[in-house]
Amino acid sequence: MEARRWLALLLALGCLFEALDASPGDFDPLYRTCVEQCEKTGIIGDISIQDCQFPSNEIPVNSPWYMQEPLYLQWKQLNCKSDCRYNCMMQREKEREKLGLSPVKYHGKWPFKRVFVFQEPLSAVLSALNLLMHFTGWLSFFLLVNYKLPLRPQSKRTYYEYTGLWHIYAVLSMNAWFWSAIFHTRDFDLTEKLDYSSAVASLGFSLILCLLRTFNVKDEASRVMFAAPILAFVTTHILYLNFYQLDYGWNMKVCLVMGVTTLLVWAIWAGITRHPSRVKLWVTVFGIALSMLLEIYDFPPYMGYADAHALWHAATIPLTYLWWSFIKDDAVFRTSALVKKAK
């Protein structure tokens, strides 16, 4: 009965995300006309979009590669399409505000105010802070298991059986937050796909690691049997997003199912096993579950900067610290148990 309730909740949330996938601003005829004219002429009212005609050194855009500006300058400059979209979006929102209409999304995102090259400055900064939290958490874990806890006498390897898996988890997590920061800084097709793909990879491996730890799977062959179906699905999903269709609704459903499953398994396992650090784990799980509501109950950015997604990034910063604290506690707990058993 309880399983049916969770299934119904997941289906309801999936339908909600599917409804949120459409962006009303994309279908606004005034906005579409503005973007089309801008890409052709490089002009929006009194604004001239230089990248749509010539670079700053007056060399035509379609000139040979050796006459183009250095790549680092091209990265800093906004390209024609994104510049046109931004200026048309801001112009259209000003018109809507005068009519008393509320903001709408464009291409899946709220109308944010840019700061220099940062398209979503607050989300970019918070993503970078999450990356830093994962790095410091992983570094403290690395020092703990390799230099503070006892090692196996013969192999000089750690007693903790999941050390290598947590290292992989740390790399994937830091990679995901790195591309999140890049994507919120510059929204291109490439950065968008890298952001979504790295997030899916991180969630997929988190689920694998969760199952291996909670079911106490130590044998390599058994670990492969556990991981293979999930790895196959995650790989197929990433290929689908990158080479077939970047389906936002379907991707949200996949991420939601993997994320909720991981949280439920961790929470139930902590209660059943009476893990000494189960309170930390429960607080982390409950905090992440609450923060996920920010992704569901979305709202326009306050003052053009802080939206629900940015607040979700902010909420995960302290939770990441608590999460790595639990991981280190688990390493100490397992090492102590194995050392006593070896004596």
Protein backbone atom coordinates (compact mmCIF):
# COMPACT_ATOMS: atom_id res chain seq x y z
CA MET A 1 0.00 0.00 0.00
CA GLU A 2 2.82 2.38 0.94
CA ALA A 3 4.65 1.55 -2.30
CA ARG A 4 1.54 2.47 -4.31
CA ARG A 5 1.38 5.86 -2.63
CA TRP A 6 5.00 6.62 -3.52
CA LEU A 7 4.40 5.48 -7.10
CA ALA A 8 1.37 7.74 -7.36
CA LEU A 9 3.42 10.64 -5.99
CA LEU A 10 6.18 10.07 -8.56
CA LEU A 11 3.67 9.91 -11.40
CA ALA A 12 1.98 13.10 -10.22
CA LEU A 13 5.31 14.90 -9.98
CA GLY A 14 6.25 13.60 -13.41
CA CYS A 15 3.07 15.04 -14.92
CA LEU A 16 3.77 18.32 -13.17
CA PHE A 17 7.25 18.54 -14.66
CA GLU A 18 5.87 17.73 -18.08
CA ALA A 19 3.50 20.67 -17.76
CA LEU A 20 6.33 22.94 -16.65
CA ASP A 21 8.41 21.96 -19.69
CA ALA A 22 6.68 24.42 -22.04
CA SER A 23 7.90 28.03 -22.05
CA PRO A 24 5.14 30.56 -22.84
CA GLY A 25 7.64 33.23 -23.84
CA ASP A 26 8.96 31.11 -26.70
CA PHE A 27 5.57 31.22 -28.41
CA ASP A 28 5.06 34.96 -28.03
CA PRO A 29 4.84 36.21 -31.65
CA LEU A 30 6.27 39.62 -30.73
CA TYR A 31 9.28 37.99 -29.08
CA ARG A 32 9.86 35.57 -31.98
CA THR A 33 9.63 38.38 -34.53
CA CYS A 34 12.06 40.48 -32.51
CA VAL A 35 14.63 37.67 -32.37
CA GLU A 36 14.32 36.91 -36.09
CA GLN A 37 14.77 40.56 -37.06
CA CYS A 38 17.66 40.98 -34.64
CA GLU A 39 19.56 37.99 -36.04
CA LYS A 40 19.15 39.41 -39.56
CA THR A 41 19.91 43.08 -38.88
CA GLY A 42 21.64 43.11 -35.51
CA ILE A 43 19.35 45.93 -34.36
CA ILE A 44 16.69 46.03 -31.61
CA GLY A 45 15.22 49.52 -31.39
CA ASP A 46 18.14 51.73 -30.38
CA ILE A 47 20.37 48.76 -29.51
CA SER A 48 22.92 47.49 -32.02
CA ILE A 49 24.06 43.87 -31.60
CA GLN A 50 27.61 43.97 -32.89
CA ASP A 51 28.18 40.21 -32.81
CA CYS A 52 25.43 39.73 -35.40
CA GLN A 53 27.42 41.70 -37.97
CA PHE A 54 31.13 42.06 -37.26
CA PRO A 55 33.45 41.39 -34.34
CA SER A 56 34.93 44.33 -32.47
CA ASN A 57 38.02 44.43 -34.74
CA GLU A 58 35.79 44.96 -37.83
CA ILE A 59 36.71 41.59 -39.33
CA PRO A 60 33.69 39.80 -40.84
CA VAL A 61 32.33 36.94 -38.79
CA ASN A 62 32.67 34.49 -41.68
CA SER A 63 36.34 35.32 -42.30
CA PRO A 64 39.03 32.58 -42.09
CA TRP A 65 39.83 31.20 -38.63
CA TYR A 66 43.25 32.87 -38.49
CA MET A 67 41.60 36.31 -38.83
CA GLN A 68 39.13 35.70 -36.02
CA GLU A 69 39.55 36.91 -32.45
CA PRO A 70 41.21 34.60 -29.90
CA LEU A 71 38.89 32.00 -28.41
CA TYR A 72 39.07 33.49 -24.93
CA LEU A 73 37.70 36.78 -26.28
CA GLN A 74 34.96 34.97 -28.20
CA TRP A 75 34.02 33.19 -24.96
CA LYS A 76 33.65 36.51 -23.13
CA GLN A 77 31.53 38.04 -25.86
CA LEU A 78 27.88 37.12 -26.15
CA ASN A 79 27.08 35.49 -29.44
CA CYS A 80 24.48 36.85 -31.77
CA LYS A 81 21.67 34.46 -30.89
CA SER A 82 21.99 34.74 -27.10
CA ASP A 83 22.38 38.53 -27.28
CA CYS A 84 19.29 38.85 -29.44
CA ARG A 85 17.30 36.55 -27.20
CA TYR A 86 18.33 38.44 -24.09
CA ASN A 87 17.58 41.93 -25.39
CA CYS A 88 14.29 40.88 -27.00
CA MET A 89 13.30 39.10 -23.80
CA MET A 90 14.06 42.13 -21.62
CA GLN A 91 12.24 44.42 -24.06
CA ARG A 92 9.21 42.14 -24.12
CA GLU A 93 9.15 41.86 -20.32
CA LYS A 94 9.16 45.65 -19.96
CA GLU A 95 6.15 45.78 -22.28
CA ARG A 96 4.40 43.05 -20.29
CA GLU A 97 5.13 44.84 -17.01
CA LYS A 98 3.49 48.01 -18.33
CA LEU A 99 0.41 45.95 -19.15
CA GLY A 100 0.36 44.52 -15.62
CA LEU A 101 1.33 41.00 -16.74
CA SER A 102 3.58 38.72 -14.72
CA PRO A 103 6.93 37.42 -16.06
CA VAL A 104 7.03 34.27 -18.18
CA LYS A 105 9.80 31.82 -19.03
CA TYR A 106 11.80 31.93 -22.25
CA HIS A 107 13.49 28.75 -23.49
CA GLY A 108 12.87 27.06 -20.15
CA LYS A 109 14.30 29.88 -18.02
CA TRP A 110 13.04 32.98 -16.27
CA PRO A 111 14.15 36.43 -17.51
CA PHE A 112 17.33 37.08 -15.51
CA LYS A 113 19.38 40.26 -15.42
CA ARG A 114 22.92 39.74 -16.60
CA VAL A 115 26.06 40.81 -14.75
CA PHE A 116 29.00 41.09 -17.16
CA VAL A 117 29.22 37.66 -18.86
CA PHE A 118 27.11 35.95 -16.17
CA GLN A 119 23.64 35.16 -17.49
CA GLU A 120 22.47 33.85 -14.09
CA PRO A 121 25.02 35.34 -11.68
CA LEU A 122 23.56 34.08 -8.41
CA SER A 123 23.10 30.48 -9.60
CA ALA A 124 26.61 30.50 -11.09
CA VAL A 125 28.19 31.66 -7.83
CA LEU A 126 26.19 29.19 -5.73
CA SER A 127 27.12 26.35 -8.10
CA ALA A 128 30.78 27.26 -7.61
CA LEU A 129 30.29 27.21 -3.83
CA ASN A 130 28.73 23.75 -4.07
CA LEU A 131 31.76 22.64 -6.06
CA LEU A 132 34.01 24.01 -3.33
CA MET A 133 32.03 22.22 -0.61
CA HIS A 134 32.37 18.89 -2.43
CA PHE A 135 36.10 19.46 -2.92
CA THR A 136 36.73 20.27 0.74
CA GLY A 137 34.51 17.38 1.81
CA TRP A 138 36.32 14.93 -0.45
CA LEU A 139 39.75 16.25 0.62
CA SER A 140 38.95 15.78 4.31
CA PHE A 141 37.64 12.28 3.53
CA PHE A 142 40.82 11.45 1.59
CA LEU A 143 43.05 12.60 4.46
CA LEU A 144 40.92 10.69 6.97
CA VAL A 145 40.97 7.28 5.28
CA ASN A 146 44.59 7.45 4.10
CA TYR A 147 46.40 9.17 6.97
CA LYS A 148 44.27 9.15 10.11
CA LEU A 149 42.58 5.75 10.08
CA PRO A 150 44.61 2.51 10.24
CA LEU A 151 45.51 0.76 6.98
CA ARG A 152 45.61 -2.95 6.21
CA PRO A 153 49.05 -4.26 7.32
CA GLN A 154 49.90 -6.19 4.15
CA SER A 155 48.36 -4.20 1.30
CA LYS A 156 48.50 -0.76 2.96
CA ARG A 157 45.01 -0.16 1.62
CA THR A 158 42.14 1.30 3.60
CA TYR A 159 39.90 -0.95 5.67
CA TYR A 160 36.86 0.97 4.42
CA GLU A 161 35.50 -1.06 1.51
CA TYR A 162 33.85 1.88 -0.26
CA THR A 163 36.80 4.30 -0.42
CA GLY A 164 37.27 4.02 -4.18
CA LEU A 165 33.57 4.42 -4.86
CA TRP A 166 33.40 7.62 -2.81
CA HIS A 167 36.38 8.98 -4.75
CA ILE A 168 34.50 8.39 -8.01
CA TYR A 169 31.39 9.96 -6.49
CA ALA A 170 33.40 13.06 -5.52
CA VAL A 171 34.82 13.45 -9.04
CA LEU A 172 31.38 13.11 -10.65
CA SER A 173 29.81 15.53 -8.16
CA MET A 174 32.50 18.16 -8.66
CA ASN A 175 32.21 17.72 -12.43
CA ALA A 176 28.43 18.22 -12.23
CA TRP A 177 28.72 21.43 -10.21
CA PHE A 178 31.53 22.71 -12.45
CA TRP A 179 29.35 22.42 -15.54
CA SER A 180 26.40 23.83 -13.61
CA ALA A 181 28.45 26.96 -12.90
CA ILE A 182 29.55 27.17 -16.55
CA PHE A 183 25.99 26.67 -17.82
CA HIS A 184 24.57 29.37 -15.55
CA THR A 185 27.36 31.65 -16.73
CA ARG A 186 26.95 31.01 -20.45
CA ASP A 187 23.91 29.18 -21.79
CA PHE A 188 24.89 27.48 -25.05
CA ASP A 189 23.71 24.18 -26.52
CA LEU A 190 27.07 22.64 -25.57
CA THR A 191 27.12 23.91 -21.97
CA GLU A 192 23.47 22.95 -21.52
CA LYS A 193 24.10 19.36 -22.65
CA LEU A 194 27.23 19.08 -20.52
CA ASP A 195 25.31 20.37 -17.49
CA TYR A 196 22.40 17.97 -17.94
CA SER A 197 24.64 15.01 -18.81
CA SER A 198 26.98 15.48 -15.85
CA ALA A 199 24.02 15.87 -13.48
CA VAL A 200 22.46 12.62 -14.74
CA ALA A 201 25.80 10.81 -14.44
CA SER A 202 26.22 12.05 -10.86
CA LEU A 203 22.68 11.03 -9.88
CA GLY A 204 23.05 7.62 -11.52
CA PHE A 205 26.30 6.84 -9.73
CA SER A 206 24.82 8.13 -6.45
CA LEU A 207 22.05 5.56 -6.81
CA ILE A 208 24.57 2.79 -7.56
CA LEU A 209 26.72 3.73 -4.57
CA CYS A 210 23.65 3.95 -2.36
CA LEU A 211 22.57 0.41 -3.29
CA LEU A 212 26.08 -1.02 -2.90
CA ARG A 213 26.52 0.51 0.56
CA THR A 214 23.06 -0.17 1.94
CA PHE A 215 23.06 -3.80 0.73
CA ASN A 216 26.67 -4.13 1.90
CA VAL A 217 27.89 -5.44 -1.46
CA LYS A 218 31.64 -6.08 -1.24
CA ASP A 219 32.38 -8.68 -3.91
CA GLU A 220 33.47 -7.13 -7.21
CA ALA A 221 31.35 -9.48 -9.34
CA SER A 222 28.24 -8.68 -7.30
CA ARG A 223 28.97 -4.97 -7.58
CA VAL A 224 29.12 -5.26 -11.36
CA MET A 225 25.76 -7.07 -11.38
CA PHE A 226 24.23 -4.28 -9.27
CA ALA A 227 25.73 -1.46 -11.29
CA ALA A 228 25.46 -2.77 -14.86
CA PRO A 229 21.69 -2.20 -15.43
CA ILE A 230 21.80 1.31 -13.95
CA LEU A 231 24.98 2.21 -15.87
CA ALA A 232 23.38 0.96 -19.09
CA PHE A 233 20.25 3.01 -18.52
CA VAL A 234 22.13 6.18 -17.52
CA THR A 235 24.46 5.88 -20.52
CA THR A 236 21.53 5.37 -22.87
CA HIS A 237 19.70 8.33 -21.36
CA ILE A 238 22.74 10.61 -21.75
CA LEU A 239 23.16 9.54 -25.38
CA TYR A 240 19.45 10.19 -25.94
CA LEU A 241 19.73 13.72 -24.55
CA ASN A 242 22.85 14.58 -26.54
CA PHE A 243 22.23 12.96 -29.90
CA TYR A 244 18.48 12.50 -30.25
CA GLN A 245 16.39 14.98 -28.26
CA LEU A 246 17.05 17.17 -25.22
CA ASP A 247 13.70 16.39 -23.65
CA TYR A 248 13.46 18.48 -20.48
CA GLY A 249 10.31 16.81 -19.19
CA TRP A 250 11.61 13.26 -19.62
CA ASN A 251 14.98 14.19 -18.13
CA MET A 252 13.26 15.68 -15.07
CA LYS A 253 11.29 12.48 -14.55
CA VAL A 254 14.45 10.36 -14.79
CA CYS A 255 16.35 12.57 -12.35
CA LEU A 256 13.38 12.70 -9.97
CA VAL A 257 12.97 8.91 -9.86
CA MET A 258 16.70 8.31 -9.31
CA GLY A 259 16.92 11.05 -6.69
CA VAL A 260 13.83 10.03 -4.71
CA THR A 261 14.84 6.35 -4.83
CA THR A 262 18.30 7.17 -3.51
CA LEU A 263 16.91 9.28 -0.66
CA LEU A 264 14.34 6.65 0.36
CA VAL A 265 16.87 3.82 0.37
CA TRP A 266 19.34 5.79 2.49
CA ALA A 267 16.65 6.86 4.98
CA ILE A 268 15.17 3.36 5.39
CA TRP A 269 18.60 1.75 5.67
CA ALA A 270 19.70 4.17 8.39
CA GLY A 271 16.64 3.29 10.46
CA ILE A 272 16.93 -0.48 9.98
CA THR A 273 20.66 -0.73 10.70
CA ARG A 274 20.64 1.84 13.54
CA HIS A 275 23.71 3.47 12.06
CA PRO A 276 25.50 5.64 14.68
CA SER A 277 25.32 8.67 12.37
CA ARG A 278 21.77 8.05 11.22
CA VAL A 279 20.60 11.46 12.49
CA LYS A 280 23.03 13.25 10.17
CA LEU A 281 21.83 11.09 7.31
CA TRP A 282 18.16 11.71 8.09
CA VAL A 283 18.70 15.48 8.34
CA THR A 284 20.50 15.43 4.99
CA VAL A 285 17.80 13.33 3.32
CA PHE A 286 15.00 15.45 4.76
CA GLY A 287 16.79 18.66 3.79
CA ILE A 288 17.33 17.52 0.21
CA ALA A 289 13.70 16.40 -0.02
CA LEU A 290 12.54 19.83 1.14
CA SER A 291 14.92 21.63 -1.20
CA MET A 292 13.50 19.60 -4.12
CA LEU A 293 10.21 21.40 -3.54
CA LEU A 294 11.95 24.56 -4.75
CA GLU A 295 12.39 22.86 -8.11
CA ILE A 296 8.68 22.01 -8.19
CA TYR A 297 7.14 25.21 -6.82
CA ASP A 298 9.03 27.56 -9.10
CA PHE A 299 8.69 31.35 -9.05
CA PRO A 300 10.10 34.30 -11.06
CA PRO A 301 13.48 35.74 -10.00
CA TYR A 302 13.30 38.36 -7.28
CA MET A 303 14.80 41.62 -8.58
CA GLY A 304 15.83 39.65 -11.66
CA TYR A 305 18.42 37.51 -9.82
CA ALA A 306 17.11 35.05 -7.20
CA ASP A 307 14.64 32.41 -8.35
CA ALA A 308 13.67 29.05 -6.84
CA HIS A 309 16.47 27.24 -8.67
CA ALA A 310 19.07 29.62 -7.19
CA LEU A 311 17.63 29.04 -3.71
CA TRP A 312 17.88 25.29 -4.30
CA HIS A 313 21.59 25.75 -5.05
CA ALA A 314 21.92 27.73 -1.81
CA ALA A 315 20.14 25.05 0.22
CA THR A 316 22.47 22.28 -0.97
CA ILE A 317 25.62 24.04 0.33
CA PRO A 318 25.16 23.25 4.06
CA LEU A 319 23.62 19.88 3.17
CA THR A 320 26.77 18.96 1.23
CA TYR A 321 28.88 19.67 4.31
CA LEU A 322 26.60 17.48 6.43
CA TRP A 323 26.61 14.74 3.79
CA TRP A 324 30.41 14.47 3.70
CA SER A 325 30.41 14.50 7.50
CA PHE A 326 28.20 11.39 7.40
CA ILE A 327 30.48 9.73 4.82
CA LYS A 328 33.49 10.27 7.08
CA ASP A 329 31.56 8.93 10.08
CA ASP A 330 30.65 5.85 8.07
CA ALA A 331 34.31 5.32 7.18
CA VAL A 332 35.29 5.53 10.85
CA PHE A 333 32.43 3.21 11.85
CA ARG A 334 33.27 0.51 9.29
CA THR A 335 37.02 0.77 9.88
CA SER A 336 36.59 0.35 13.63
CA ALA A 337 34.38 -2.70 13.12
CA LEU A 338 36.82 -4.32 10.70
CA VAL A 339 39.87 -3.61 12.88
CA LYS A 340 38.16 -5.23 15.89
CA LYS A 341 37.21 -8.20 13.73
CA ALA A 342 40.78 -8.60 12.49
CA LYS A 343 42.22 -8.73 16.01
